[in-house]
Amino acid sequence: MAAIFHTYKHNIIDAIDLNFVKSVTALKSVIDLKAQANFINVDDTDYEDPEDPIGASTFTFDNQSKAYFVQGSIRPSFVNSMFFQNLEFALRYSKMETPEGALWETSQ
């Protein structure tokens, strides 16, 4: 399943979601793979410099953010043990980048 969203005016937001689920009888498990990516682009504008005590100077920055994640999991749903049937083992990697020069700048 994939979904792409666009908002056009002064802001552009793009997103895509992917999801894949498959029963694998050889592993007696269900495999679940997911991924998502988000891209946000907001028009540049002038902001008051918070470090200027009189508010006379401004600054601007390239107001773009990105975030994504990938995730994989396995659930041993078809094994004989009820305990293991109720467990799910998952790995996830994610990253987020906010605008460089913004007060909320981060890259994690």
C-alpha atoms as a PDB file:
ATOM      1  CA  MET A   1       0.000   0.000   0.000  1.00  0.00           C
ATOM      2  CA  ALA A   2       1.397   3.417  -0.910  1.00  0.00           C
ATOM      3  CA  ALA A   3       0.002   6.890  -0.335  1.00  0.00           C
ATOM      4  CA  ILE A   4       1.328  10.216  -1.573  1.00  0.00           C
ATOM      5  CA  PHE A   5      -0.084  13.534  -0.340  1.00  0.00           C
ATOM      6  CA  HIS A   6       0.533  16.995  -1.770  1.00  0.00           C
ATOM      7  CA  THR A   7      -0.565  20.361  -0.425  1.00  0.00           C
ATOM      8  CA  TYR A   8       0.103  23.206  -2.839  1.00  0.00           C
ATOM      9  CA  LYS A   9       0.039  26.854  -1.878  1.00  0.00           C
ATOM     10  CA  HIS A  10       2.962  28.070   0.185  1.00  0.00           C
ATOM     11  CA  ASN A  11       3.823  24.748   1.752  1.00  0.00           C
ATOM     12  CA  ILE A  12       4.604  21.418   0.124  1.00  0.00           C
ATOM     13  CA  ILE A  13       4.282  18.209   2.102  1.00  0.00           C
ATOM     14  CA  ASP A  14       5.164  14.897   0.486  1.00  0.00           C
ATOM     15  CA  ALA A  15       4.803  11.551   2.203  1.00  0.00           C
ATOM     16  CA  ILE A  16       4.983   7.944   1.174  1.00  0.00           C
ATOM     17  CA  ASP A  17       4.108   4.875   3.248  1.00  0.00           C
ATOM     18  CA  LEU A  18       4.936   1.295   2.320  1.00  0.00           C
ATOM     19  CA  ASN A  19       3.684  -1.838   4.064  1.00  0.00           C
ATOM     20  CA  PHE A  20       4.317  -5.525   3.258  1.00  0.00           C
ATOM     21  CA  VAL A  21       3.008  -8.452   5.335  1.00  0.00           C
ATOM     22  CA  LYS A  22       3.576 -12.094   4.387  1.00  0.00           C
ATOM     23  CA  SER A  23       3.052 -15.443   6.090  1.00  0.00           C
ATOM     24  CA  VAL A  24       6.147 -17.597   5.611  1.00  0.00           C
ATOM     25  CA  THR A  25       5.270 -21.223   6.359  1.00  0.00           C
ATOM     26  CA  ALA A  26       8.914 -22.359   6.191  1.00  0.00           C
ATOM     27  CA  LEU A  27       9.662 -20.030   9.138  1.00  0.00           C
ATOM     28  CA  LYS A  28       6.289 -20.646  10.832  1.00  0.00           C
ATOM     29  CA  SER A  29       6.076 -16.861  11.072  1.00  0.00           C
ATOM     30  CA  VAL A  30       4.583 -13.665   9.754  1.00  0.00           C
ATOM     31  CA  ILE A  31       7.031 -11.137   8.281  1.00  0.00           C
ATOM     32  CA  ASP A  32       6.062  -7.451   8.428  1.00  0.00           C
ATOM     33  CA  LEU A  33       8.063  -4.735   6.633  1.00  0.00           C
ATOM     34  CA  LYS A  34       7.203  -1.037   6.843  1.00  0.00           C
ATOM     35  CA  ALA A  35       8.756   2.190   5.578  1.00  0.00           C
ATOM     36  CA  GLN A  36       7.765   5.843   5.571  1.00  0.00           C
ATOM     37  CA  ALA A  37       9.327   9.044   4.250  1.00  0.00           C
ATOM     38  CA  ASN A  38       8.149  12.638   4.839  1.00  0.00           C
ATOM     39  CA  PHE A  39       9.421  15.786   3.140  1.00  0.00           C
ATOM     40  CA  ILE A  40       8.224  19.247   4.175  1.00  0.00           C
ATOM     41  CA  ASN A  41       9.113  22.450   2.339  1.00  0.00           C
ATOM     42  CA  VAL A  42       7.785  25.739   3.754  1.00  0.00           C
ATOM     43  CA  ASP A  43       8.318  29.071   2.017  1.00  0.00           C
ATOM     44  CA  ASP A  44      11.209  31.123   3.306  1.00  0.00           C
ATOM     45  CA  THR A  45      10.335  34.145   5.386  1.00  0.00           C
ATOM     46  CA  ASP A  46      12.125  36.665   7.576  1.00  0.00           C
ATOM     47  CA  TYR A  47      12.143  35.978  11.304  1.00  0.00           C
ATOM     48  CA  GLU A  48      13.058  38.341  14.097  1.00  0.00           C
ATOM     49  CA  ASP A  49      16.474  37.517  15.505  1.00  0.00           C
ATOM     50  CA  PRO A  50      15.835  36.299  19.093  1.00  0.00           C
ATOM     51  CA  GLU A  51      19.374  37.330  20.073  1.00  0.00           C
ATOM     52  CA  ASP A  52      18.802  40.961  19.027  1.00  0.00           C
ATOM     53  CA  PRO A  53      17.481  42.796  22.139  1.00  0.00           C
ATOM     54  CA  ILE A  54      15.841  45.603  20.138  1.00  0.00           C
ATOM     55  CA  GLY A  55      14.406  43.365  17.390  1.00  0.00           C
ATOM     56  CA  ALA A  56      15.954  45.315  14.512  1.00  0.00           C
ATOM     57  CA  SER A  57      17.625  42.407  12.711  1.00  0.00           C
ATOM     58  CA  THR A  58      16.061  39.416  11.004  1.00  0.00           C
ATOM     59  CA  PHE A  59      17.242  36.111   9.618  1.00  0.00           C
ATOM     60  CA  THR A  60      15.944  33.491   7.204  1.00  0.00           C
ATOM     61  CA  PHE A  61      16.749  29.871   6.427  1.00  0.00           C
ATOM     62  CA  ASP A  62      15.891  27.129   3.950  1.00  0.00           C
ATOM     63  CA  ASN A  63      12.786  25.804   5.734  1.00  0.00           C
ATOM     64  CA  GLN A  64      12.883  22.116   4.734  1.00  0.00           C
ATOM     65  CA  SER A  65      12.502  19.074   6.972  1.00  0.00           C
ATOM     66  CA  LYS A  66      12.923  15.363   6.247  1.00  0.00           C
ATOM     67  CA  ALA A  67      12.042  12.280   8.255  1.00  0.00           C
ATOM     68  CA  TYR A  68      11.943   8.601   7.483  1.00  0.00           C
ATOM     69  CA  PHE A  69      11.934   5.155   9.036  1.00  0.00           C
ATOM     70  CA  VAL A  70      12.255   1.521   7.991  1.00  0.00           C
ATOM     71  CA  GLN A  71      11.078  -1.327  10.171  1.00  0.00           C
ATOM     72  CA  GLY A  72      11.081  -5.086   9.972  1.00  0.00           C
ATOM     73  CA  SER A  73       9.500  -7.609  12.310  1.00  0.00           C
ATOM     74  CA  ILE A  74       8.915 -11.320  12.599  1.00  0.00           C
ATOM     75  CA  ARG A  75       6.160 -12.955  14.651  1.00  0.00           C
ATOM     76  CA  PRO A  76       6.390 -16.742  15.089  1.00  0.00           C
ATOM     77  CA  SER A  77       2.600 -17.117  14.808  1.00  0.00           C
ATOM     78  CA  PHE A  78       2.566 -20.730  13.623  1.00  0.00           C
ATOM     79  CA  VAL A  79       4.794 -22.382  16.243  1.00  0.00           C
ATOM     80  CA  ASN A  80       3.328 -24.711  18.872  1.00  0.00           C
ATOM     81  CA  SER A  81       4.217 -22.563  21.877  1.00  0.00           C
ATOM     82  CA  MET A  82       1.540 -20.008  22.849  1.00  0.00           C
ATOM     83  CA  PHE A  83       4.260 -17.963  24.554  1.00  0.00           C
ATOM     84  CA  PHE A  84       6.260 -17.530  21.319  1.00  0.00           C
ATOM     85  CA  GLN A  85       3.110 -17.002  19.244  1.00  0.00           C
ATOM     86  CA  ASN A  86       2.506 -13.830  21.271  1.00  0.00           C
ATOM     87  CA  LEU A  87       6.008 -12.408  20.773  1.00  0.00           C
ATOM     88  CA  GLU A  88       7.143 -10.169  17.951  1.00  0.00           C
ATOM     89  CA  PHE A  89      10.781  -9.343  17.256  1.00  0.00           C
ATOM     90  CA  ALA A  90      11.296  -5.997  15.545  1.00  0.00           C
ATOM     91  CA  LEU A  91      14.071  -3.706  14.341  1.00  0.00           C
ATOM     92  CA  ARG A  92      13.577  -0.066  13.407  1.00  0.00           C
ATOM     93  CA  TYR A  93      15.809   2.674  12.036  1.00  0.00           C
ATOM     94  CA  SER A  94      14.649   6.283  11.823  1.00  0.00           C
ATOM     95  CA  LYS A  95      16.141   9.654  10.954  1.00  0.00           C
ATOM     96  CA  MET A  96      14.860  13.210  11.207  1.00  0.00           C
ATOM     97  CA  GLU A  97      16.434  16.401   9.879  1.00  0.00           C
ATOM     98  CA  THR A  98      14.966  19.824  10.591  1.00  0.00           C
ATOM     99  CA  PRO A  99      15.948  23.082   8.852  1.00  0.00           C
ATOM    100  CA  GLU A 100      19.572  24.140   9.205  1.00  0.00           C
ATOM    101  CA  GLY A 101      19.699  27.561  10.846  1.00  0.00           C
ATOM    102  CA  ALA A 102      16.278  27.248  12.502  1.00  0.00           C
ATOM    103  CA  LEU A 103      15.958  27.588  16.261  1.00  0.00           C
ATOM    104  CA  TRP A 104      14.647  24.002  16.339  1.00  0.00           C
ATOM    105  CA  GLU A 105      17.487  22.632  14.147  1.00  0.00           C
ATOM    106  CA  THR A 106      18.281  18.981  14.788  1.00  0.00           C
ATOM    107  CA  SER A 107      19.605  15.968  12.945  1.00  0.00           C
ATOM    108  CA  GLN A 108      18.952  12.707  14.730  1.00  0.00           C
END
